[in-house]
PDB file of N, CA and C in Angstrom:
ATOM      1  N   MET A   1     -62.568  86.156 -37.095  1.00  0.00           N
ATOM      2  CA  MET A   1     -61.318  86.338 -36.400  1.00  0.00           C
ATOM      3  C   MET A   1     -61.557  86.117 -34.908  1.00  0.00           C
ATOM      4  N   ILE A   2     -60.741  85.338 -34.289  1.00  0.00           N
ATOM      5  CA  ILE A   2     -60.912  84.978 -32.891  1.00  0.00           C
ATOM      6  C   ILE A   2     -60.712  86.182 -31.975  1.00  0.00           C
ATOM      7  N   HIS A   3     -59.873  87.119 -32.376  1.00  0.00           N
ATOM      8  CA  HIS A   3     -59.559  88.279 -31.544  1.00  0.00           C
ATOM      9  C   HIS A   3     -60.818  89.012 -31.082  1.00  0.00           C
ATOM     10  N   SER A   4     -61.751  89.226 -31.976  1.00  0.00           N
ATOM     11  CA  SER A   4     -62.948  89.998 -31.614  1.00  0.00           C
ATOM     12  C   SER A   4     -63.886  89.220 -30.693  1.00  0.00           C
ATOM     13  N   THR A   5     -63.853  87.917 -30.739  1.00  0.00           N
ATOM     14  CA  THR A   5     -64.718  87.136 -29.851  1.00  0.00           C
ATOM     15  C   THR A   5     -64.102  86.970 -28.469  1.00  0.00           C
ATOM     16  N   ALA A   6     -62.848  87.326 -28.307  1.00  0.00           N
ATOM     17  CA  ALA A   6     -62.168  87.205 -27.017  1.00  0.00           C
ATOM     18  C   ALA A   6     -62.326  88.473 -26.175  1.00  0.00           C
ATOM     19  N   GLY A   7     -63.130  89.417 -26.638  1.00  0.00           N
ATOM     20  CA  GLY A   7     -63.369  90.628 -25.871  1.00  0.00           C
ATOM     21  C   GLY A   7     -62.509  91.806 -26.280  1.00  0.00           C
ATOM     22  N   GLY A   8     -61.631  91.622 -27.246  1.00  0.00           N
ATOM     23  CA  GLY A   8     -60.776  92.722 -27.704  1.00  0.00           C
ATOM     24  C   GLY A   8     -61.477  93.587 -28.735  1.00  0.00           C
ATOM     25  N   LYS A   9     -60.865  94.689 -29.067  1.00  0.00           N
ATOM     26  CA  LYS A   9     -61.421  95.581 -30.084  1.00  0.00           C
ATOM     27  C   LYS A   9     -60.480  95.629 -31.269  1.00  0.00           C
ATOM     28  N   LEU A  10     -61.033  95.655 -32.448  1.00  0.00           N
ATOM     29  CA  LEU A  10     -60.223  95.813 -33.644  1.00  0.00           C
ATOM     30  C   LEU A  10     -59.869  97.283 -33.799  1.00  0.00           C
ATOM     31  N   LYS A  11     -58.666  97.536 -34.278  1.00  0.00           N
ATOM     32  CA  LYS A  11     -58.219  98.918 -34.444  1.00  0.00           C
ATOM     33  C   LYS A  11     -58.989  99.595 -35.565  1.00  0.00           C
ATOM     34  N   GLU A  12     -59.366 100.839 -35.322  1.00  0.00           N
ATOM     35  CA  GLU A  12     -60.005 101.642 -36.360  1.00  0.00           C
ATOM     36  C   GLU A  12     -58.931 102.514 -36.989  1.00  0.00           C
ATOM     37  N   TYR A  13     -58.708 102.340 -38.278  1.00  0.00           N
ATOM     38  CA  TYR A  13     -57.670 103.071 -38.981  1.00  0.00           C
ATOM     39  C   TYR A  13     -58.196 104.409 -39.475  1.00  0.00           C
ATOM     40  N   GLY A  14     -57.285 105.382 -39.568  1.00  0.00           N
ATOM     41  CA  GLY A  14     -57.678 106.720 -39.990  1.00  0.00           C
ATOM     42  C   GLY A  14     -57.088 107.106 -41.332  1.00  0.00           C
ATOM     43  N   TYR A  15     -57.414 108.314 -41.770  1.00  0.00           N
ATOM     44  CA  TYR A  15     -56.910 108.894 -43.002  1.00  0.00           C
ATOM     45  C   TYR A  15     -56.080 110.125 -42.649  1.00  0.00           C
ATOM     46  N   PHE A  16     -54.936 110.293 -43.314  1.00  0.00           N
ATOM     47  CA  PHE A  16     -54.017 111.373 -42.990  1.00  0.00           C
ATOM     48  C   PHE A  16     -53.487 112.033 -44.263  1.00  0.00           C
ATOM     49  N   ASP A  17     -53.048 113.299 -44.124  1.00  0.00           N
ATOM     50  CA  ASP A  17     -52.334 113.996 -45.192  1.00  0.00           C
ATOM     51  C   ASP A  17     -50.846 113.831 -44.912  1.00  0.00           C
ATOM     52  N   ILE A  18     -50.126 113.266 -45.877  1.00  0.00           N
ATOM     53  CA  ILE A  18     -48.710 112.980 -45.693  1.00  0.00           C
ATOM     54  C   ILE A  18     -47.916 113.756 -46.735  1.00  0.00           C
ATOM     55  N   ALA A  19     -46.897 114.478 -46.251  1.00  0.00           N
ATOM     56  CA  ALA A  19     -46.069 115.292 -47.135  1.00  0.00           C
ATOM     57  C   ALA A  19     -44.680 114.680 -47.263  1.00  0.00           C
ATOM     58  N   LYS A  20     -44.118 114.778 -48.458  1.00  0.00           N
ATOM     59  CA  LYS A  20     -42.729 114.402 -48.661  1.00  0.00           C
ATOM     60  C   LYS A  20     -41.947 115.704 -48.663  1.00  0.00           C
ATOM     61  N   VAL A  21     -40.928 115.788 -47.803  1.00  0.00           N
ATOM     62  CA  VAL A  21     -40.156 117.020 -47.672  1.00  0.00           C
ATOM     63  C   VAL A  21     -38.676 116.753 -47.891  1.00  0.00           C
ATOM     64  N   GLU A  22     -37.967 117.833 -48.208  1.00  0.00           N
ATOM     65  CA  GLU A  22     -36.511 117.782 -48.315  1.00  0.00           C
ATOM     66  C   GLU A  22     -35.959 118.794 -47.323  1.00  0.00           C
ATOM     67  N   TYR A  23     -35.166 118.317 -46.355  1.00  0.00           N
ATOM     68  CA  TYR A  23     -34.583 119.205 -45.357  1.00  0.00           C
ATOM     69  C   TYR A  23     -33.567 120.117 -46.035  1.00  0.00           C
ATOM     70  N   LEU A  24     -33.666 121.408 -45.776  1.00  0.00           N
ATOM     71  CA  LEU A  24     -32.808 122.388 -46.439  1.00  0.00           C
ATOM     72  C   LEU A  24     -31.353 122.244 -46.029  1.00  0.00           C
ATOM     73  N   GLU A  25     -31.099 121.916 -44.787  1.00  0.00           N
ATOM     74  CA  GLU A  25     -29.740 121.827 -44.269  1.00  0.00           C
ATOM     75  C   GLU A  25     -28.964 120.642 -44.832  1.00  0.00           C
ATOM     76  N   SER A  26     -29.601 119.478 -44.888  1.00  0.00           N
ATOM     77  CA  SER A  26     -28.892 118.251 -45.266  1.00  0.00           C
ATOM     78  C   SER A  26     -29.255 117.716 -46.643  1.00  0.00           C
ATOM     79  N   GLY A  27     -30.387 118.130 -47.190  1.00  0.00           N
ATOM     80  CA  GLY A  27     -30.836 117.594 -48.471  1.00  0.00           C
ATOM     81  C   GLY A  27     -31.525 116.248 -48.350  1.00  0.00           C
ATOM     82  N   GLU A  28     -31.642 115.744 -47.132  1.00  0.00           N
ATOM     83  CA  GLU A  28     -32.295 114.455 -46.885  1.00  0.00           C
ATOM     84  C   GLU A  28     -33.799 114.582 -47.120  1.00  0.00           C
ATOM     85  N   LYS A  29     -34.400 113.536 -47.680  1.00  0.00           N
ATOM     86  CA  LYS A  29     -35.839 113.526 -47.939  1.00  0.00           C
ATOM     87  C   LYS A  29     -36.532 112.602 -46.947  1.00  0.00           C
ATOM     88  N   ALA A  30     -37.752 112.987 -46.554  1.00  0.00           N
ATOM     89  CA  ALA A  30     -38.498 112.191 -45.581  1.00  0.00           C
ATOM     90  C   ALA A  30     -39.988 112.442 -45.742  1.00  0.00           C
ATOM     91  N   PHE A  31     -40.782 111.506 -45.241  1.00  0.00           N
ATOM     92  CA  PHE A  31     -42.228 111.675 -45.176  1.00  0.00           C
ATOM     93  C   PHE A  31     -42.582 112.203 -43.796  1.00  0.00           C
ATOM     94  N   VAL A  32     -43.477 113.184 -43.760  1.00  0.00           N
ATOM     95  CA  VAL A  32     -43.923 113.769 -42.493  1.00  0.00           C
ATOM     96  C   VAL A  32     -45.433 113.920 -42.521  1.00  0.00           C
ATOM     97  N   LEU A  33     -46.014 114.057 -41.347  1.00  0.00           N
ATOM     98  CA  LEU A  33     -47.455 114.226 -41.208  1.00  0.00           C
ATOM     99  C   LEU A  33     -47.819 115.695 -41.333  1.00  0.00           C
ATOM    100  N   SER A  34     -48.764 115.996 -42.200  1.00  0.00           N
ATOM    101  CA  SER A  34     -49.219 117.371 -42.399  1.00  0.00           C
ATOM    102  C   SER A  34     -50.603 117.531 -41.793  1.00  0.00           C
ATOM    103  N   THR A  35     -50.726 118.462 -40.851  1.00  0.00           N
ATOM    104  CA  THR A  35     -52.017 118.695 -40.208  1.00  0.00           C
ATOM    105  C   THR A  35     -52.641 120.012 -40.643  1.00  0.00           C
ATOM    106  N   ASN A  36     -51.933 120.764 -41.455  1.00  0.00           N
ATOM    107  CA  ASN A  36     -52.408 122.073 -41.900  1.00  0.00           C
ATOM    108  C   ASN A  36     -52.871 121.989 -43.351  1.00  0.00           C
ATOM    109  N   GLU A  37     -54.113 122.330 -43.606  1.00  0.00           N
ATOM    110  CA  GLU A  37     -54.686 122.253 -44.956  1.00  0.00           C
ATOM    111  C   GLU A  37     -54.098 123.293 -45.909  1.00  0.00           C
ATOM    112  N   GLU A  38     -53.498 124.372 -45.380  1.00  0.00           N
ATOM    113  CA  GLU A  38     -52.987 125.455 -46.211  1.00  0.00           C
ATOM    114  C   GLU A  38     -51.628 125.144 -46.842  1.00  0.00           C
ATOM    115  N   ILE A  39     -50.940 124.127 -46.370  1.00  0.00           N
ATOM    116  CA  ILE A  39     -49.611 123.795 -46.887  1.00  0.00           C
ATOM    117  C   ILE A  39     -49.745 123.169 -48.267  1.00  0.00           C
ATOM    118  N   LYS A  40     -48.867 123.627 -49.183  1.00  0.00           N
ATOM    119  CA  LYS A  40     -48.881 123.104 -50.552  1.00  0.00           C
ATOM    120  C   LYS A  40     -47.454 122.874 -51.030  1.00  0.00           C
ATOM    121  N   GLU A  41     -47.320 122.278 -52.208  1.00  0.00           N
ATOM    122  CA  GLU A  41     -46.003 121.997 -52.768  1.00  0.00           C
ATOM    123  C   GLU A  41     -45.194 123.280 -52.922  1.00  0.00           C
ATOM    124  N   GLY A  42     -43.910 123.201 -52.593  1.00  0.00           N
ATOM    125  CA  GLY A  42     -43.029 124.341 -52.722  1.00  0.00           C
ATOM    126  C   GLY A  42     -42.913 125.198 -51.474  1.00  0.00           C
ATOM    127  N   ASP A  43     -43.789 125.000 -50.496  1.00  0.00           N
ATOM    128  CA  ASP A  43     -43.738 125.779 -49.251  1.00  0.00           C
ATOM    129  C   ASP A  43     -42.538 125.362 -48.406  1.00  0.00           C
ATOM    130  N   ILE A  44     -42.016 126.321 -47.632  1.00  0.00           N
ATOM    131  CA  ILE A  44     -40.977 126.039 -46.646  1.00  0.00           C
ATOM    132  C   ILE A  44     -41.692 125.905 -45.298  1.00  0.00           C
ATOM    133  N   VAL A  45     -41.417 124.796 -44.603  1.00  0.00           N
ATOM    134  CA  VAL A  45     -42.100 124.499 -43.348  1.00  0.00           C
ATOM    135  C   VAL A  45     -41.091 124.145 -42.257  1.00  0.00           C
ATOM    136  N   LEU A  46     -41.542 124.185 -41.012  1.00  0.00           N
ATOM    137  CA  LEU A  46     -40.748 123.708 -39.888  1.00  0.00           C
ATOM    138  C   LEU A  46     -41.262 122.333 -39.492  1.00  0.00           C
ATOM    139  N   VAL A  47     -40.337 121.376 -39.363  1.00  0.00           N
ATOM    140  CA  VAL A  47     -40.688 120.008 -38.981  1.00  0.00           C
ATOM    141  C   VAL A  47     -40.121 119.748 -37.588  1.00  0.00           C
ATOM    142  N   ALA A  48     -40.953 119.250 -36.687  1.00  0.00           N
ATOM    143  CA  ALA A  48     -40.508 118.919 -35.327  1.00  0.00           C
ATOM    144  C   ALA A  48     -39.706 117.624 -35.366  1.00  0.00           C
ATOM    145  N   ILE A  49     -38.401 117.733 -35.147  1.00  0.00           N
ATOM    146  CA  ILE A  49     -37.516 116.565 -35.130  1.00  0.00           C
ATOM    147  C   ILE A  49     -37.577 115.889 -33.764  1.00  0.00           C
ATOM    148  N   SER A  50     -37.555 116.701 -32.726  1.00  0.00           N
ATOM    149  CA  SER A  50     -37.711 116.216 -31.359  1.00  0.00           C
ATOM    150  C   SER A  50     -38.511 117.262 -30.593  1.00  0.00           C
ATOM    151  N   GLU A  51     -38.625 117.071 -29.309  1.00  0.00           N
ATOM    152  CA  GLU A  51     -39.392 118.012 -28.497  1.00  0.00           C
ATOM    153  C   GLU A  51     -38.766 119.414 -28.500  1.00  0.00           C
ATOM    154  N   PHE A  52     -37.436 119.479 -28.670  1.00  0.00           N
ATOM    155  CA  PHE A  52     -36.734 120.752 -28.585  1.00  0.00           C
ATOM    156  C   PHE A  52     -36.077 121.191 -29.892  1.00  0.00           C
ATOM    157  N   GLU A  53     -36.211 120.420 -30.954  1.00  0.00           N
ATOM    158  CA  GLU A  53     -35.519 120.739 -32.204  1.00  0.00           C
ATOM    159  C   GLU A  53     -36.495 120.763 -33.377  1.00  0.00           C
ATOM    160  N   GLU A  54     -36.357 121.791 -34.209  1.00  0.00           N
ATOM    161  CA  GLU A  54     -37.141 121.915 -35.434  1.00  0.00           C
ATOM    162  C   GLU A  54     -36.196 122.191 -36.590  1.00  0.00           C
ATOM    163  N   LYS A  55     -36.518 121.654 -37.768  1.00  0.00           N
ATOM    164  CA  LYS A  55     -35.706 121.885 -38.953  1.00  0.00           C
ATOM    165  C   LYS A  55     -36.569 122.427 -40.075  1.00  0.00           C
ATOM    166  N   GLU A  56     -35.958 123.289 -40.896  1.00  0.00           N
ATOM    167  CA  GLU A  56     -36.663 123.809 -42.065  1.00  0.00           C
ATOM    168  C   GLU A  56     -36.595 122.795 -43.194  1.00  0.00           C
ATOM    169  N   ALA A  57     -37.701 122.689 -43.923  1.00  0.00           N
ATOM    170  CA  ALA A  57     -37.767 121.744 -45.041  1.00  0.00           C
ATOM    171  C   ALA A  57     -38.662 122.316 -46.129  1.00  0.00           C
ATOM    172  N   LYS A  58     -38.408 121.889 -47.361  1.00  0.00           N
ATOM    173  CA  LYS A  58     -39.228 122.289 -48.501  1.00  0.00           C
ATOM    174  C   LYS A  58     -40.169 121.136 -48.841  1.00  0.00           C
ATOM    175  N   VAL A  59     -41.455 121.448 -49.026  1.00  0.00           N
ATOM    176  CA  VAL A  59     -42.444 120.422 -49.351  1.00  0.00           C
ATOM    177  C   VAL A  59     -42.311 120.049 -50.829  1.00  0.00           C
ATOM    178  N   ILE A  60     -42.074 118.775 -51.092  1.00  0.00           N
ATOM    179  CA  ILE A  60     -41.949 118.273 -52.465  1.00  0.00           C
ATOM    180  C   ILE A  60     -43.319 117.888 -53.012  1.00  0.00           C
ATOM    181  N   ARG A  61     -44.086 117.167 -52.197  1.00  0.00           N
ATOM    182  CA  ARG A  61     -45.446 116.783 -52.600  1.00  0.00           C
ATOM    183  C   ARG A  61     -46.283 116.482 -51.372  1.00  0.00           C
ATOM    184  N   ILE A  62     -47.604 116.509 -51.559  1.00  0.00           N
ATOM    185  CA  ILE A  62     -48.529 116.169 -50.477  1.00  0.00           C
ATOM    186  C   ILE A  62     -49.526 115.145 -51.001  1.00  0.00           C
ATOM    187  N   ASP A  63     -49.656 114.063 -50.272  1.00  0.00           N
ATOM    188  CA  ASP A  63     -50.649 113.039 -50.591  1.00  0.00           C
ATOM    189  C   ASP A  63     -51.798 113.220 -49.613  1.00  0.00           C
ATOM    190  N   LYS A  64     -52.970 113.530 -50.133  1.00  0.00           N
ATOM    191  CA  LYS A  64     -54.143 113.810 -49.305  1.00  0.00           C
ATOM    192  C   LYS A  64     -54.930 112.537 -49.015  1.00  0.00           C
ATOM    193  N   HIS A  65     -55.487 112.469 -47.833  1.00  0.00           N
ATOM    194  CA  HIS A  65     -56.439 111.434 -47.437  1.00  0.00           C
ATOM    195  C   HIS A  65     -55.876 110.018 -47.660  1.00  0.00           C
ATOM    196  N   VAL A  66     -54.691 109.755 -47.112  1.00  0.00           N
ATOM    197  CA  VAL A  66     -54.043 108.448 -47.239  1.00  0.00           C
ATOM    198  C   VAL A  66     -54.519 107.557 -46.094  1.00  0.00           C
ATOM    199  N   HIS A  67     -54.994 106.363 -46.431  1.00  0.00           N
ATOM    200  CA  HIS A  67     -55.442 105.414 -45.414  1.00  0.00           C
ATOM    201  C   HIS A  67     -54.220 104.873 -44.674  1.00  0.00           C
ATOM    202  N   GLU A  68     -54.326 104.818 -43.363  1.00  0.00           N
ATOM    203  CA  GLU A  68     -53.211 104.412 -42.510  1.00  0.00           C
ATOM    204  C   GLU A  68     -52.642 103.040 -42.880  1.00  0.00           C
ATOM    205  N   GLN A  69     -53.475 102.104 -43.280  1.00  0.00           N
ATOM    206  CA  GLN A  69     -53.009 100.764 -43.633  1.00  0.00           C
ATOM    207  C   GLN A  69     -52.283 100.732 -44.974  1.00  0.00           C
ATOM    208  N   ASN A  70     -52.506 101.715 -45.828  1.00  0.00           N
ATOM    209  CA  ASN A  70     -51.884 101.726 -47.151  1.00  0.00           C
ATOM    210  C   ASN A  70     -50.532 102.429 -47.178  1.00  0.00           C
ATOM    211  N   PHE A  71     -50.076 102.945 -46.041  1.00  0.00           N
ATOM    212  CA  PHE A  71     -48.796 103.638 -45.992  1.00  0.00           C
ATOM    213  C   PHE A  71     -47.766 102.719 -45.342  1.00  0.00           C
ATOM    214  N   PRO A  72     -46.566 102.580 -45.930  1.00  0.00           N
ATOM    215  CA  PRO A  72     -45.599 101.584 -45.436  1.00  0.00           C
ATOM    216  C   PRO A  72     -44.955 101.910 -44.086  1.00  0.00           C
ATOM    217  N   ILE A  73     -45.029 103.162 -43.641  1.00  0.00           N
ATOM    218  CA  ILE A  73     -44.435 103.562 -42.368  1.00  0.00           C
ATOM    219  C   ILE A  73     -45.565 103.786 -41.357  1.00  0.00           C
ATOM    220  N   PRO A  74     -45.428 103.272 -40.130  1.00  0.00           N
ATOM    221  CA  PRO A  74     -46.462 103.528 -39.127  1.00  0.00           C
ATOM    222  C   PRO A  74     -46.635 105.035 -38.892  1.00  0.00           C
ATOM    223  N   ILE A  75     -47.853 105.504 -38.851  1.00  0.00           N
ATOM    224  CA  ILE A  75     -48.153 106.931 -38.707  1.00  0.00           C
ATOM    225  C   ILE A  75     -47.546 107.498 -37.427  1.00  0.00           C
ATOM    226  N   LYS A  76     -47.534 106.731 -36.364  1.00  0.00           N
ATOM    227  CA  LYS A  76     -47.003 107.243 -35.090  1.00  0.00           C
ATOM    228  C   LYS A  76     -45.496 107.503 -35.147  1.00  0.00           C
ATOM    229  N   ARG A  77     -44.796 106.971 -36.141  1.00  0.00           N
ATOM    230  CA  ARG A  77     -43.354 107.210 -36.286  1.00  0.00           C
ATOM    231  C   ARG A  77     -43.030 108.454 -37.112  1.00  0.00           C
ATOM    232  N   LEU A  78     -44.003 108.997 -37.808  1.00  0.00           N
ATOM    233  CA  LEU A  78     -43.747 110.152 -38.662  1.00  0.00           C
ATOM    234  C   LEU A  78     -43.566 111.419 -37.844  1.00  0.00           C
ATOM    235  N   LYS A  79     -42.624 112.259 -38.277  1.00  0.00           N
ATOM    236  CA  LYS A  79     -42.467 113.592 -37.685  1.00  0.00           C
ATOM    237  C   LYS A  79     -43.628 114.444 -38.173  1.00  0.00           C
ATOM    238  N   LYS A  80     -43.877 115.574 -37.499  1.00  0.00           N
ATOM    239  CA  LYS A  80     -45.012 116.422 -37.860  1.00  0.00           C
ATOM    240  C   LYS A  80     -44.551 117.802 -38.300  1.00  0.00           C
ATOM    241  N   ILE A  81     -45.294 118.367 -39.248  1.00  0.00           N
ATOM    242  CA  ILE A  81     -45.043 119.741 -39.646  1.00  0.00           C
ATOM    243  C   ILE A  81     -45.633 120.642 -38.566  1.00  0.00           C
ATOM    244  N   VAL A  82     -44.804 121.556 -38.048  1.00  0.00           N
ATOM    245  CA  VAL A  82     -45.231 122.450 -36.984  1.00  0.00           C
ATOM    246  C   VAL A  82     -45.994 123.639 -37.579  1.00  0.00           C
ATOM    247  N   ARG A  83     -45.367 124.281 -38.570  1.00  0.00           N
ATOM    248  CA  ARG A  83     -46.002 125.446 -39.193  1.00  0.00           C
ATOM    249  C   ARG A  83     -45.275 125.808 -40.472  1.00  0.00           C
ATOM    250  N   LYS A  84     -45.920 126.673 -41.229  1.00  0.00           N
ATOM    251  CA  LYS A  84     -45.370 127.196 -42.466  1.00  0.00           C
ATOM    252  C   LYS A  84     -44.457 128.373 -42.129  1.00  0.00           C
ATOM    253  N   VAL A  85     -43.313 128.480 -42.808  1.00  0.00           N
ATOM    254  CA  VAL A  85     -42.386 129.590 -42.567  1.00  0.00           C
ATOM    255  C   VAL A  85     -42.745 130.756 -43.455  1.00  0.00           C
TER     256      VAL A  85
END
């Protein structure tokens, strides 16, 4: 690949725990980033929607150790679980 010979660096991809949640208020489902190992299916969690807003959601499933390239949504776009309720 020419990119690496031009002095650039190839991106190093990581592994993440990704949870599928259902927001309690709206019933909408979404994928979020889980940084807490204690969270499991059926838990109620707070998801950071923005810097000032959090919503409660129920965890439907958790996919452990997902490679960043194998997930269809860019990791930086995912909301994060703040804590367990």
